[in-house]
Amino acid sequence: MSHDPVAGHAAEAALVGDEAVWPGQLQWLELLRDGLTFDLSGLAPGPGSTFPAIAHRFDLPALPSSDDYEAMVLRPGPHLAEGAGSLPLMRELLALGCDIVRQFDDVLAVCWAPAATAIGRRYFESVTSAWLDGGPFPALGLTAFTETADAALESVGLAFWIGQELRIEPPLSADRVAATRLGIRLVNHLVLAGGLAEDDRIIAPDGSRLVLRPSRSRALINVWRE
């Protein structure tokens, strides 16, 4: 812990000029990890932070509600805010999230806003730690998948990492389990590559050849069998 504004004069320490460091953030701690600072807000004796919007859950029997739980927000410090999407900074943020989960048994879940996900504490710590140690990117958690109106399978939250979402086209998406497994592999590949600028061809786990093609707007990466 590198700064506690409550120890002394909270109101003055939480202000930059005439505005709060973050909207509504008056009870907070600055945490230091590997030379980078992060803010943890929503702490007692102040109110909890705004409860997150959750659309997908992983390793949770039910979605948590604001009636039973309070939310805290962990984010890069204000001087790091402009680089909030950088992979090295996000790795440190998520590593700090793992530290918090390990230290505090009352944490139920970690919510990841770019994908609107809620991730059970044990699953979050397991898959995130594995990734930080060189394993695969935790696609089920830091991204999610949803079925579109035309029966494609599309990622949610991948754009936060690479500026593009993944879309597995029918009929490749017909088998939802197989398509999700493929999506997990492709998300890991794309995060490592940093996105896709031109057509690519890969071999699927079943031996078939797949085409990956960015859309005209570059917002989507469409995938189908060659």
Protein backbone atom coordinates (compact mmCIF):
# COMPACT_ATOMS: atom_id res chain seq x y z
CA MET A 1 0.00 0.00 0.00
CA SER A 2 1.62 3.23 -1.15
CA HIS A 3 -0.96 5.84 -0.11
CA ASP A 4 -3.96 6.02 2.24
CA PRO A 5 -5.73 9.37 1.87
CA VAL A 6 -8.03 8.61 4.83
CA ALA A 7 -5.06 8.72 7.19
CA GLY A 8 -5.10 12.47 7.74
CA HIS A 9 -7.29 14.62 5.54
CA ALA A 10 -9.33 12.41 3.20
CA ALA A 11 -11.23 15.08 1.33
CA GLU A 12 -8.14 17.10 0.47
CA ALA A 13 -6.00 14.09 -0.43
CA ALA A 14 -8.70 12.68 -2.71
CA LEU A 15 -8.90 15.84 -4.78
CA VAL A 16 -6.91 16.93 -7.80
CA GLY A 17 -7.67 20.60 -8.32
CA ASP A 18 -11.40 20.84 -7.62
CA GLU A 19 -12.38 17.37 -8.78
CA ALA A 20 -12.18 13.91 -7.28
CA VAL A 21 -9.49 11.64 -8.74
CA TRP A 22 -12.32 9.39 -9.99
CA PRO A 23 -16.04 10.28 -9.85
CA GLY A 24 -17.36 9.57 -6.37
CA GLN A 25 -14.04 8.21 -5.15
CA LEU A 26 -13.44 9.55 -1.65
CA GLN A 27 -12.57 6.32 0.21
CA TRP A 28 -9.72 4.63 -1.62
CA LEU A 29 -6.24 3.17 -1.34
CA GLU A 30 -3.30 3.45 -3.69
CA LEU A 31 -1.59 0.09 -4.15
CA LEU A 32 1.91 -0.34 -5.54
CA ARG A 33 2.92 -3.41 -7.55
CA ASP A 34 6.18 -3.72 -9.48
CA GLY A 35 6.55 0.05 -9.61
CA LEU A 36 3.01 0.68 -10.90
CA THR A 37 0.23 2.25 -8.86
CA PHE A 38 -3.40 1.15 -8.81
CA ASP A 39 -6.43 2.59 -7.03
CA LEU A 40 -8.83 0.45 -5.00
CA SER A 41 -12.09 2.28 -4.29
CA GLY A 42 -15.47 1.44 -2.76
CA LEU A 43 -14.00 0.79 0.68
CA ALA A 44 -15.66 1.17 4.07
CA PRO A 45 -16.52 3.46 5.78
CA GLY A 46 -17.62 4.95 2.44
CA PRO A 47 -20.26 3.41 0.16
CA GLY A 48 -19.51 0.59 -2.24
CA SER A 49 -18.72 1.41 -5.85
CA THR A 50 -21.37 1.20 -8.58
CA PHE A 51 -22.38 -2.43 -9.00
CA PRO A 52 -21.13 -3.79 -12.34
CA ALA A 53 -23.35 -4.81 -15.24
CA ILE A 54 -22.92 -8.57 -15.64
CA ALA A 55 -24.04 -10.60 -18.64
CA HIS A 56 -21.83 -13.72 -18.39
CA ARG A 57 -20.68 -15.78 -15.41
CA PHE A 58 -17.95 -18.38 -15.00
CA ASP A 59 -17.69 -20.80 -12.06
CA LEU A 60 -20.54 -19.05 -10.25
CA PRO A 61 -23.81 -20.88 -9.45
CA ALA A 62 -25.75 -17.60 -9.75
CA LEU A 63 -25.08 -13.99 -10.61
CA PRO A 64 -24.23 -11.89 -7.54
CA SER A 65 -26.64 -9.06 -6.81
CA SER A 66 -26.25 -5.66 -5.19
CA ASP A 67 -28.76 -6.77 -2.53
CA ASP A 68 -26.22 -9.24 -1.12
CA TYR A 69 -22.81 -7.90 -2.13
CA GLU A 70 -20.92 -4.65 -2.44
CA ALA A 71 -18.52 -3.78 -5.22
CA MET A 72 -14.99 -2.43 -5.10
CA VAL A 73 -13.18 -1.10 -8.16
CA LEU A 74 -9.52 -1.75 -8.94
CA ARG A 75 -8.02 0.33 -11.75
CA PRO A 76 -4.74 1.90 -12.84
CA GLY A 77 -3.83 5.12 -11.07
CA PRO A 78 -4.76 8.40 -12.77
CA HIS A 79 -1.30 8.94 -14.28
CA LEU A 80 -1.58 5.50 -15.96
CA ALA A 81 -5.15 5.95 -17.19
CA GLU A 82 -4.17 6.75 -20.78
CA GLY A 83 -2.34 3.42 -21.05
CA ALA A 84 -5.14 1.43 -19.45
CA GLY A 85 -5.45 -0.87 -22.46
CA SER A 86 -1.79 -1.85 -22.66
CA LEU A 87 -1.09 -5.54 -22.15
CA PRO A 88 1.81 -5.13 -19.64
CA LEU A 89 -0.28 -2.80 -17.46
CA MET A 90 -3.31 -5.09 -17.58
CA ARG A 91 -1.18 -8.08 -16.64
CA GLU A 92 -0.05 -6.23 -13.50
CA LEU A 93 -3.63 -5.18 -12.72
CA LEU A 94 -4.84 -8.77 -13.00
CA ALA A 95 -1.89 -10.05 -10.98
CA LEU A 96 -2.88 -7.62 -8.25
CA GLY A 97 -6.43 -8.94 -8.51
CA CYS A 98 -5.04 -12.43 -7.88
CA ASP A 99 -3.16 -11.13 -4.84
CA ILE A 100 -6.37 -9.66 -3.42
CA VAL A 101 -8.34 -12.87 -4.03
CA ARG A 102 -5.66 -14.90 -2.25
CA GLN A 103 -5.60 -12.58 0.76
CA PHE A 104 -9.32 -11.98 1.34
CA ASP A 105 -11.69 -14.94 1.66
CA ASP A 106 -14.78 -12.73 1.49
CA VAL A 107 -14.19 -11.90 -2.17
CA LEU A 108 -16.88 -13.78 -4.09
CA ALA A 109 -15.97 -12.97 -7.69
CA VAL A 110 -13.93 -10.78 -9.96
CA CYS A 111 -15.92 -8.86 -12.57
CA TRP A 112 -14.26 -7.84 -15.83
CA ALA A 113 -16.11 -4.86 -17.29
CA PRO A 114 -14.94 -5.05 -20.96
CA ALA A 115 -16.62 -8.47 -21.28
CA ALA A 116 -19.37 -7.91 -18.67
CA THR A 117 -18.24 -11.09 -16.91
CA ALA A 118 -18.31 -12.28 -13.32
CA ILE A 119 -15.64 -14.89 -12.56
CA GLY A 120 -15.65 -17.09 -9.48
CA ARG A 121 -12.66 -16.42 -7.22
CA ARG A 122 -11.01 -19.83 -7.53
CA TYR A 123 -11.43 -20.02 -11.29
CA PHE A 124 -10.16 -16.45 -11.71
CA GLU A 125 -7.06 -17.09 -9.61
CA SER A 126 -6.36 -20.39 -11.38
CA VAL A 127 -6.65 -19.30 -15.02
CA THR A 128 -5.13 -15.86 -14.49
CA SER A 129 -2.12 -17.22 -12.60
CA ALA A 130 -1.59 -19.83 -15.32
CA TRP A 131 -1.61 -17.09 -17.98
CA LEU A 132 0.77 -14.88 -16.02
CA ASP A 133 3.12 -17.89 -15.75
CA GLY A 134 3.15 -18.35 -19.54
CA GLY A 135 0.00 -20.39 -20.09
CA PRO A 136 -2.95 -19.67 -22.39
CA PHE A 137 -4.91 -16.44 -22.22
CA PRO A 138 -8.05 -16.87 -20.04
CA ALA A 139 -10.53 -16.46 -22.88
CA LEU A 140 -13.45 -17.67 -20.76
CA GLY A 141 -13.48 -14.83 -18.27
CA LEU A 142 -11.54 -11.97 -19.81
CA THR A 143 -13.70 -12.46 -22.91
CA ALA A 144 -16.99 -14.29 -23.44
CA PHE A 145 -18.96 -15.68 -26.37
CA THR A 146 -22.52 -15.01 -27.45
CA GLU A 147 -24.79 -16.34 -30.21
CA THR A 148 -25.86 -13.76 -32.79
CA ALA A 149 -29.26 -13.52 -34.49
CA ASP A 150 -27.88 -15.27 -37.60
CA ALA A 151 -26.45 -18.21 -35.57
CA ALA A 152 -22.81 -17.11 -35.60
CA LEU A 153 -20.71 -17.24 -32.44
CA GLU A 154 -19.17 -13.89 -31.57
CA SER A 155 -16.72 -12.87 -28.88
CA VAL A 156 -17.43 -10.16 -26.31
CA GLY A 157 -14.57 -8.14 -24.87
CA LEU A 158 -11.79 -9.24 -27.22
CA ALA A 159 -11.79 -5.73 -28.72
CA PHE A 160 -10.44 -4.42 -25.42
CA TRP A 161 -7.28 -6.45 -26.00
CA ILE A 162 -6.76 -6.24 -29.76
CA GLY A 163 -9.32 -3.74 -31.09
CA GLN A 164 -11.29 -6.50 -32.85
CA GLU A 165 -13.96 -9.06 -32.03
CA LEU A 166 -13.99 -12.64 -33.31
CA ARG A 167 -16.94 -14.03 -35.29
CA ILE A 168 -17.18 -17.75 -36.09
CA GLU A 169 -19.53 -18.08 -39.04
CA PRO A 170 -22.18 -20.75 -39.71
CA PRO A 171 -22.06 -23.64 -40.34
CA LEU A 172 -18.77 -23.77 -38.43
CA SER A 173 -20.64 -22.37 -35.41
CA ALA A 174 -23.43 -24.98 -35.50
CA ASP A 175 -21.80 -27.16 -32.83
CA ARG A 176 -21.71 -24.65 -29.95
CA VAL A 177 -19.31 -26.66 -27.78
CA ALA A 178 -16.81 -27.23 -30.60
CA ALA A 179 -17.15 -23.62 -31.77
CA THR A 180 -16.50 -22.29 -28.27
CA ARG A 181 -13.41 -24.48 -27.94
CA LEU A 182 -12.21 -23.17 -31.28
CA GLY A 183 -12.97 -19.63 -30.17
CA ILE A 184 -10.85 -20.09 -27.03
CA ARG A 185 -7.89 -21.24 -29.15
CA LEU A 186 -8.30 -18.38 -31.59
CA VAL A 187 -8.60 -15.75 -28.86
CA ASN A 188 -5.33 -16.96 -27.35
CA HIS A 189 -3.69 -16.84 -30.79
CA LEU A 190 -5.02 -13.35 -31.54
CA VAL A 191 -4.02 -11.86 -28.18
CA LEU A 192 -0.49 -13.16 -28.71
CA ALA A 193 -0.45 -11.77 -32.26
CA GLY A 194 -2.01 -8.45 -31.28
CA GLY A 195 -4.88 -8.71 -33.78
CA LEU A 196 -5.22 -9.45 -37.47
CA ALA A 197 -4.49 -7.01 -40.30
CA GLU A 198 -4.86 -9.35 -43.28
CA ASP A 199 -6.19 -12.80 -44.20
CA ASP A 200 -4.74 -15.75 -42.33
CA ARG A 201 -5.17 -19.50 -42.66
CA ILE A 202 -4.78 -22.00 -39.85
CA ILE A 203 -5.41 -25.69 -39.23
CA ALA A 204 -8.28 -26.44 -36.85
CA PRO A 205 -8.03 -29.18 -34.17
CA ASP A 206 -10.03 -31.51 -36.45
CA GLY A 207 -7.53 -31.03 -39.28
CA SER A 208 -9.69 -28.76 -41.43
CA ARG A 209 -8.33 -25.52 -42.84
CA LEU A 210 -9.82 -22.27 -41.57
CA VAL A 211 -9.80 -18.80 -43.07
CA LEU A 212 -9.53 -15.77 -40.77
CA ARG A 213 -10.41 -12.51 -42.49
CA PRO A 214 -10.79 -9.00 -41.04
CA SER A 215 -14.01 -7.23 -41.97
CA ARG A 216 -13.84 -4.06 -44.05
CA SER A 217 -14.07 -1.93 -40.93
CA ARG A 218 -11.45 -4.14 -39.23
CA ALA A 219 -13.81 -4.38 -36.22
CA LEU A 220 -14.49 -8.11 -36.75
CA ILE A 221 -12.39 -11.13 -37.62
CA ASN A 222 -14.60 -13.57 -39.54
CA VAL A 223 -13.77 -17.28 -39.40
CA TRP A 224 -15.02 -20.07 -41.67
CA ARG A 225 -13.86 -23.33 -43.22
CA GLU A 226 -11.86 -22.94 -46.39
